[in-house]
């Protein structure tokens, strides 16, 4: 099975799980309350992403002003962007995952793991970077 099919199946299973959890919550608290809870989580998630995003941009600009590469801040920004996507996606499973990704300790663990993964891939010669200075 190729990677596209596996990814498609994973996304479809995730959406199915989200729908099941939404229906379960709707059974216990009602349709209107479920809708309002999803809407509230959407707006709180967007607000948190904007608030954290401004902080990360300040850290990126501070690192650049010191002539340092803001690798940690960029990875935090990517994690925050993914978190924003999860919180904007209607559902409770994605909201829980998104809230967990807001915890700085969890983001640091993910950041370190991604850095190790990228470093291994670059050392094997699978990734390379080119300069666009000639343009």
C-alpha atoms as a PDB file:
ATOM      1  CA  UNK A   1       0.000   0.000   0.000  1.00  0.00           C
ATOM      2  CA  UNK A   2       1.511   3.320  -0.974  1.00  0.00           C
ATOM      3  CA  UNK A   3       1.870   6.316   1.327  1.00  0.00           C
ATOM      4  CA  UNK A   4      -1.043   8.220  -0.240  1.00  0.00           C
ATOM      5  CA  UNK A   5      -3.525   5.452   0.499  1.00  0.00           C
ATOM      6  CA  UNK A   6      -2.282   5.043   4.060  1.00  0.00           C
ATOM      7  CA  UNK A   7      -2.588   8.779   4.621  1.00  0.00           C
ATOM      8  CA  UNK A   8      -6.059   8.863   3.116  1.00  0.00           C
ATOM      9  CA  UNK A   9      -7.213   5.987   5.311  1.00  0.00           C
ATOM     10  CA  UNK A  10      -5.734   7.670   8.395  1.00  0.00           C
ATOM     11  CA  UNK A  11      -7.507  10.961   7.627  1.00  0.00           C
ATOM     12  CA  UNK A  12     -10.816   9.206   6.987  1.00  0.00           C
ATOM     13  CA  UNK A  13     -10.527   7.243  10.240  1.00  0.00           C
ATOM     14  CA  UNK A  14      -9.706  10.447  12.099  1.00  0.00           C
ATOM     15  CA  UNK A  15     -12.771  12.208  10.654  1.00  0.00           C
ATOM     16  CA  UNK A  16     -14.933   9.212  11.507  1.00  0.00           C
ATOM     17  CA  UNK A  17     -13.641   9.218  15.095  1.00  0.00           C
ATOM     18  CA  UNK A  18     -14.345  12.967  15.343  1.00  0.00           C
ATOM     19  CA  UNK A  19     -17.910  12.463  14.137  1.00  0.00           C
ATOM     20  CA  UNK A  20     -18.448   9.633  16.622  1.00  0.00           C
ATOM     21  CA  UNK A  21     -17.176  11.745  19.526  1.00  0.00           C
ATOM     22  CA  UNK A  22     -19.292  14.732  18.444  1.00  0.00           C
ATOM     23  CA  UNK A  23     -22.384  12.518  18.323  1.00  0.00           C
ATOM     24  CA  UNK A  24     -21.547  11.063  21.733  1.00  0.00           C
ATOM     25  CA  UNK A  25     -21.124  14.515  23.274  1.00  0.00           C
ATOM     26  CA  UNK A  26     -24.314  15.664  21.537  1.00  0.00           C
ATOM     27  CA  UNK A  27     -26.171  12.764  23.136  1.00  0.00           C
ATOM     28  CA  UNK A  28     -25.106  13.883  26.625  1.00  0.00           C
ATOM     29  CA  UNK A  29     -25.276  17.697  26.442  1.00  0.00           C
ATOM     30  CA  UNK A  30     -27.589  18.371  23.508  1.00  0.00           C
ATOM     31  CA  UNK A  31     -27.185  19.681  19.976  1.00  0.00           C
ATOM     32  CA  UNK A  32     -27.078  23.400  20.729  1.00  0.00           C
ATOM     33  CA  UNK A  33     -24.578  23.016  23.562  1.00  0.00           C
ATOM     34  CA  UNK A  34     -22.371  20.807  21.402  1.00  0.00           C
ATOM     35  CA  UNK A  35     -22.447  23.348  18.579  1.00  0.00           C
ATOM     36  CA  UNK A  36     -21.661  26.211  20.983  1.00  0.00           C
ATOM     37  CA  UNK A  37     -18.816  24.219  22.531  1.00  0.00           C
ATOM     38  CA  UNK A  38     -17.301  23.544  19.111  1.00  0.00           C
ATOM     39  CA  UNK A  39     -17.695  27.217  18.171  1.00  0.00           C
ATOM     40  CA  UNK A  40     -16.168  28.343  21.470  1.00  0.00           C
ATOM     41  CA  UNK A  41     -13.195  26.021  21.052  1.00  0.00           C
ATOM     42  CA  UNK A  42     -12.700  27.385  17.527  1.00  0.00           C
ATOM     43  CA  UNK A  43     -12.549  31.007  18.693  1.00  0.00           C
ATOM     44  CA  UNK A  44     -10.414  30.260  21.753  1.00  0.00           C
ATOM     45  CA  UNK A  45      -8.054  28.246  19.576  1.00  0.00           C
ATOM     46  CA  UNK A  46      -7.703  31.039  17.021  1.00  0.00           C
ATOM     47  CA  UNK A  47      -7.093  33.571  19.804  1.00  0.00           C
ATOM     48  CA  UNK A  48      -4.438  31.357  21.418  1.00  0.00           C
ATOM     49  CA  UNK A  49      -2.692  30.834  18.089  1.00  0.00           C
ATOM     50  CA  UNK A  50      -2.581  34.589  17.435  1.00  0.00           C
ATOM     51  CA  UNK A  51      -1.340  35.267  20.962  1.00  0.00           C
ATOM     52  CA  UNK A  52       1.372  32.603  20.808  1.00  0.00           C
ATOM     53  CA  UNK A  53       2.211  33.507  17.205  1.00  0.00           C
ATOM     54  CA  UNK A  54       3.020  37.098  18.128  1.00  0.00           C
ATOM     55  CA  UNK A  55       5.313  35.828  20.868  1.00  0.00           C
ATOM     56  CA  UNK A  56       7.097  33.472  18.474  1.00  0.00           C
ATOM     57  CA  UNK A  57       7.506  36.227  15.859  1.00  0.00           C
ATOM     58  CA  UNK A  58       9.126  38.427  18.503  1.00  0.00           C
ATOM     59  CA  UNK A  59      11.529  35.605  19.350  1.00  0.00           C
ATOM     60  CA  UNK A  60      12.316  35.060  15.652  1.00  0.00           C
ATOM     61  CA  UNK A  61      13.066  38.740  15.101  1.00  0.00           C
ATOM     62  CA  UNK A  62      15.164  38.860  18.288  1.00  0.00           C
ATOM     63  CA  UNK A  63      17.245  35.899  17.088  1.00  0.00           C
ATOM     64  CA  UNK A  64      17.633  37.425  13.627  1.00  0.00           C
ATOM     65  CA  UNK A  65      18.721  40.747  15.093  1.00  0.00           C
ATOM     66  CA  UNK A  66      21.466  38.854  16.944  1.00  0.00           C
ATOM     67  CA  UNK A  67      22.423  37.224  13.617  1.00  0.00           C
ATOM     68  CA  UNK A  68      21.397  33.783  14.851  1.00  0.00           C
ATOM     69  CA  UNK A  69      19.404  31.168  13.013  1.00  0.00           C
ATOM     70  CA  UNK A  70      15.956  30.947  14.686  1.00  0.00           C
ATOM     71  CA  UNK A  71      15.578  27.199  14.176  1.00  0.00           C
ATOM     72  CA  UNK A  72      13.778  26.510  17.454  1.00  0.00           C
ATOM     73  CA  UNK A  73      11.411  29.413  16.933  1.00  0.00           C
ATOM     74  CA  UNK A  74      10.638  28.323  13.367  1.00  0.00           C
ATOM     75  CA  UNK A  75       9.859  24.786  14.507  1.00  0.00           C
ATOM     76  CA  UNK A  76       7.686  26.192  17.295  1.00  0.00           C
ATOM     77  CA  UNK A  77       5.913  28.293  14.684  1.00  0.00           C
ATOM     78  CA  UNK A  78       5.290  25.235  12.507  1.00  0.00           C
ATOM     79  CA  UNK A  79       3.963  23.335  15.511  1.00  0.00           C
ATOM     80  CA  UNK A  80       1.749  26.311  16.368  1.00  0.00           C
ATOM     81  CA  UNK A  81       0.436  26.467  12.811  1.00  0.00           C
ATOM     82  CA  UNK A  82      -0.473  22.782  13.011  1.00  0.00           C
ATOM     83  CA  UNK A  83      -2.090  23.444  16.389  1.00  0.00           C
ATOM     84  CA  UNK A  84      -4.164  26.233  14.869  1.00  0.00           C
ATOM     85  CA  UNK A  85      -5.317  23.899  12.125  1.00  0.00           C
ATOM     86  CA  UNK A  86      -6.325  21.290  14.701  1.00  0.00           C
ATOM     87  CA  UNK A  87      -8.241  23.811  16.792  1.00  0.00           C
ATOM     88  CA  UNK A  88      -9.991  25.266  13.752  1.00  0.00           C
ATOM     89  CA  UNK A  89     -11.040  21.771  12.659  1.00  0.00           C
ATOM     90  CA  UNK A  90     -14.430  21.063  14.241  1.00  0.00           C
ATOM     91  CA  UNK A  91     -14.232  18.254  16.730  1.00  0.00           C
ATOM     92  CA  UNK A  92     -13.118  17.333  20.201  1.00  0.00           C
ATOM     93  CA  UNK A  93     -10.258  14.933  19.476  1.00  0.00           C
ATOM     94  CA  UNK A  94      -8.471  17.551  17.382  1.00  0.00           C
ATOM     95  CA  UNK A  95      -9.086  20.141  20.109  1.00  0.00           C
ATOM     96  CA  UNK A  96      -7.494  17.924  22.759  1.00  0.00           C
ATOM     97  CA  UNK A  97      -4.468  17.275  20.533  1.00  0.00           C
ATOM     98  CA  UNK A  98      -4.245  21.000  19.767  1.00  0.00           C
ATOM     99  CA  UNK A  99      -4.390  21.968  23.435  1.00  0.00           C
ATOM    100  CA  UNK A 100      -1.681  19.425  24.253  1.00  0.00           C
ATOM    101  CA  UNK A 101       0.511  20.959  21.538  1.00  0.00           C
ATOM    102  CA  UNK A 102       0.169  24.360  23.230  1.00  0.00           C
ATOM    103  CA  UNK A 103       2.149  23.095  26.217  1.00  0.00           C
ATOM    104  CA  UNK A 104       5.718  24.407  25.735  1.00  0.00           C
ATOM    105  CA  UNK A 105       7.261  21.231  27.157  1.00  0.00           C
ATOM    106  CA  UNK A 106       5.426  19.064  24.618  1.00  0.00           C
ATOM    107  CA  UNK A 107       6.418  21.439  21.807  1.00  0.00           C
ATOM    108  CA  UNK A 108      10.046  21.208  22.953  1.00  0.00           C
ATOM    109  CA  UNK A 109       9.884  17.406  22.828  1.00  0.00           C
ATOM    110  CA  UNK A 110       8.429  17.501  19.320  1.00  0.00           C
ATOM    111  CA  UNK A 111      10.936  20.151  18.225  1.00  0.00           C
ATOM    112  CA  UNK A 112      13.899  18.087  19.445  1.00  0.00           C
ATOM    113  CA  UNK A 113      12.552  14.973  17.759  1.00  0.00           C
ATOM    114  CA  UNK A 114      12.046  16.791  14.446  1.00  0.00           C
ATOM    115  CA  UNK A 115      15.559  18.276  14.664  1.00  0.00           C
ATOM    116  CA  UNK A 116      17.052  14.816  15.208  1.00  0.00           C
ATOM    117  CA  UNK A 117      15.021  13.390  12.322  1.00  0.00           C
ATOM    118  CA  UNK A 118      16.075  16.193   9.970  1.00  0.00           C
ATOM    119  CA  UNK A 119      19.706  15.901  11.044  1.00  0.00           C
ATOM    120  CA  UNK A 120      19.709  12.152  10.314  1.00  0.00           C
ATOM    121  CA  UNK A 121      18.089  12.709   6.909  1.00  0.00           C
ATOM    122  CA  UNK A 122      20.628  15.398   5.994  1.00  0.00           C
ATOM    123  CA  UNK A 123      23.579  13.276   7.110  1.00  0.00           C
ATOM    124  CA  UNK A 124      22.355  10.433   4.895  1.00  0.00           C
ATOM    125  CA  UNK A 125      22.250  12.841   1.973  1.00  0.00           C
ATOM    126  CA  UNK A 126      18.512  12.706   1.444  1.00  0.00           C
ATOM    127  CA  UNK A 127      17.999  16.433   1.899  1.00  0.00           C
ATOM    128  CA  UNK A 128      20.116  19.278   0.671  1.00  0.00           C
ATOM    129  CA  UNK A 129      19.752  23.002   0.633  1.00  0.00           C
ATOM    130  CA  UNK A 130      20.762  25.336  -2.138  1.00  0.00           C
ATOM    131  CA  UNK A 131      21.387  29.025  -2.104  1.00  0.00           C
ATOM    132  CA  UNK A 132      19.445  31.401  -4.310  1.00  0.00           C
ATOM    133  CA  UNK A 133      22.146  34.060  -4.329  1.00  0.00           C
ATOM    134  CA  UNK A 134      22.590  33.873  -8.103  1.00  0.00           C
ATOM    135  CA  UNK A 135      19.024  35.075  -8.600  1.00  0.00           C
END
